[in-house]
Amino acid sequence: MSLPLLYEIPFDATRADGRCTEGITPRKSNWALRIDEPPFHAYPVTGGITFTFGGLEVNRQAQVLNTGGRPIHGLFASGDILGLFFHNYPSCTGQTRNVVFSRLAGRHAAAQGL
């Protein structure tokens, strides 16, 4: 018994169907449908980064730490470069963290005359 050709498989977005692309990377492995008949619709979208994992390590004064765990003189950091989450995602903490560390970085940089 032979399998049906992929274009003969009815589209069902609720289960993997094996419809795949050919000749492009990365290969799309399911639900690949040709878009060649109107009507065509376009919707504007904007990407955003909610948070990042990892990032620079800072101390309580917002000083960036070197690989030995010591502050790098004159280098402070705040915002998404800190990475925010290293082990878990505490919801709704990103902007609070940015405000707190921005204030700390500014205060301590000013105290050093930077």
Protein backbone atom coordinates (compact mmCIF):
# COMPACT_ATOMS: atom_id res chain seq x y z
CA MET A 1 0.00 0.00 0.00
CA SER A 2 1.52 3.36 -0.98
CA LEU A 3 1.24 6.55 1.05
CA PRO A 4 -0.72 9.48 -0.41
CA LEU A 5 1.23 12.37 -1.89
CA LEU A 6 1.70 15.20 0.58
CA TYR A 7 -0.51 17.59 -1.39
CA GLU A 8 -3.31 15.04 -1.15
CA ILE A 9 -3.23 15.08 2.66
CA PRO A 10 -6.01 17.33 3.96
CA PHE A 11 -4.73 20.30 5.97
CA ASP A 12 -5.34 19.84 9.70
CA ALA A 13 -3.59 22.36 11.97
CA THR A 14 -4.31 20.22 15.03
CA ARG A 15 -1.87 17.45 14.14
CA ALA A 16 1.47 17.04 12.40
CA ASP A 17 0.87 16.23 8.75
CA GLY A 18 4.37 15.80 7.28
CA ARG A 19 3.84 18.57 4.72
CA CYS A 20 7.37 19.90 4.35
CA THR A 21 9.42 22.38 2.39
CA GLU A 22 12.25 21.48 0.09
CA GLY A 23 15.38 23.43 -0.71
CA ILE A 24 15.27 25.93 2.15
CA THR A 25 16.94 26.01 5.55
CA PRO A 26 15.64 25.50 8.13
CA ARG A 27 13.31 22.89 6.68
CA LYS A 28 9.67 23.33 7.63
CA SER A 29 8.45 19.91 8.62
CA ASN A 30 4.67 20.31 9.01
CA TRP A 31 1.81 22.45 7.72
CA ALA A 32 3.82 23.78 4.77
CA LEU A 33 1.25 25.18 2.38
CA ARG A 34 1.92 27.14 -0.78
CA ILE A 35 0.56 30.70 -0.62
CA ASP A 36 -0.25 31.35 -4.27
CA GLU A 37 -3.93 32.25 -4.48
CA PRO A 38 -5.57 35.52 -3.38
CA PRO A 39 -6.91 36.99 -1.27
CA PHE A 40 -3.61 37.88 0.44
CA HIS A 41 -3.61 39.69 3.76
CA ALA A 42 -0.79 41.44 5.62
CA TYR A 43 -0.71 42.49 9.25
CA PRO A 44 1.89 44.81 10.78
CA VAL A 45 3.72 43.26 13.71
CA THR A 46 6.46 44.38 16.04
CA GLY A 47 8.85 42.04 17.77
CA GLY A 48 9.90 42.52 21.34
CA ILE A 49 12.13 40.93 23.92
CA THR A 50 10.39 40.26 27.21
CA PHE A 51 13.55 39.19 28.99
CA THR A 52 16.90 37.55 28.47
CA PHE A 53 18.59 34.72 30.30
CA GLY A 54 22.15 35.18 31.46
CA GLY A 55 23.94 38.44 30.78
CA LEU A 56 26.43 40.54 32.70
CA GLU A 57 26.86 39.97 36.41
CA VAL A 58 26.67 43.06 38.61
CA ASN A 59 26.97 43.73 42.33
CA ARG A 60 24.54 45.70 44.53
CA GLN A 61 26.04 48.95 43.26
CA ALA A 62 25.30 47.93 39.64
CA GLN A 63 29.05 47.59 38.91
CA VAL A 64 29.86 45.01 36.26
CA LEU A 65 31.91 42.15 37.71
CA ASN A 66 34.83 40.53 35.92
CA THR A 67 35.22 36.77 35.62
CA GLY A 68 36.92 36.76 39.02
CA GLY A 69 33.86 38.35 40.63
CA ARG A 70 35.56 41.74 41.19
CA PRO A 71 34.05 45.08 40.06
CA ILE A 72 35.42 46.62 36.86
CA HIS A 73 36.22 50.24 37.77
CA GLY A 74 33.92 52.73 36.08
CA LEU A 75 31.71 50.13 34.40
CA PHE A 76 28.07 50.02 35.47
CA ALA A 77 25.14 48.28 33.83
CA SER A 78 21.37 48.27 33.86
CA GLY A 79 18.57 47.05 31.65
CA ASP A 80 18.41 43.91 29.55
CA ILE A 81 22.22 43.58 29.36
CA LEU A 82 21.99 42.24 32.92
CA GLY A 83 20.04 39.28 31.64
CA LEU A 84 17.62 39.40 34.57
CA PHE A 85 16.95 35.69 34.96
CA PHE A 86 19.49 33.05 35.75
CA HIS A 87 17.34 30.30 37.26
CA ASN A 88 13.64 31.15 37.06
CA TYR A 89 11.23 33.72 35.61
CA PRO A 90 9.56 35.85 38.29
CA SER A 91 6.68 37.42 36.36
CA CYS A 92 6.35 41.20 35.99
CA THR A 93 9.79 42.04 37.42
CA GLY A 94 11.65 43.25 34.31
CA GLN A 95 10.83 46.97 34.39
CA THR A 96 11.09 47.13 38.18
CA ARG A 97 14.59 45.68 37.92
CA ASN A 98 15.50 48.19 35.19
CA VAL A 99 14.39 51.16 37.31
CA VAL A 100 16.17 49.94 40.45
CA PHE A 101 19.48 49.12 38.75
CA SER A 102 19.43 52.29 36.62
CA ARG A 103 19.11 54.38 39.77
CA LEU A 104 21.84 52.40 41.51
CA ALA A 105 24.18 52.66 38.52
CA GLY A 106 23.63 56.40 38.21
CA ARG A 107 24.04 57.05 41.93
CA HIS A 108 27.27 55.04 42.24
CA ALA A 109 28.77 56.35 38.99
CA ALA A 110 28.10 59.93 40.16
CA ALA A 111 29.68 59.16 43.55
CA GLN A 112 32.83 58.04 41.72
CA GLY A 113 32.82 61.23 39.66
CA LEU A 114 32.23 59.37 36.41
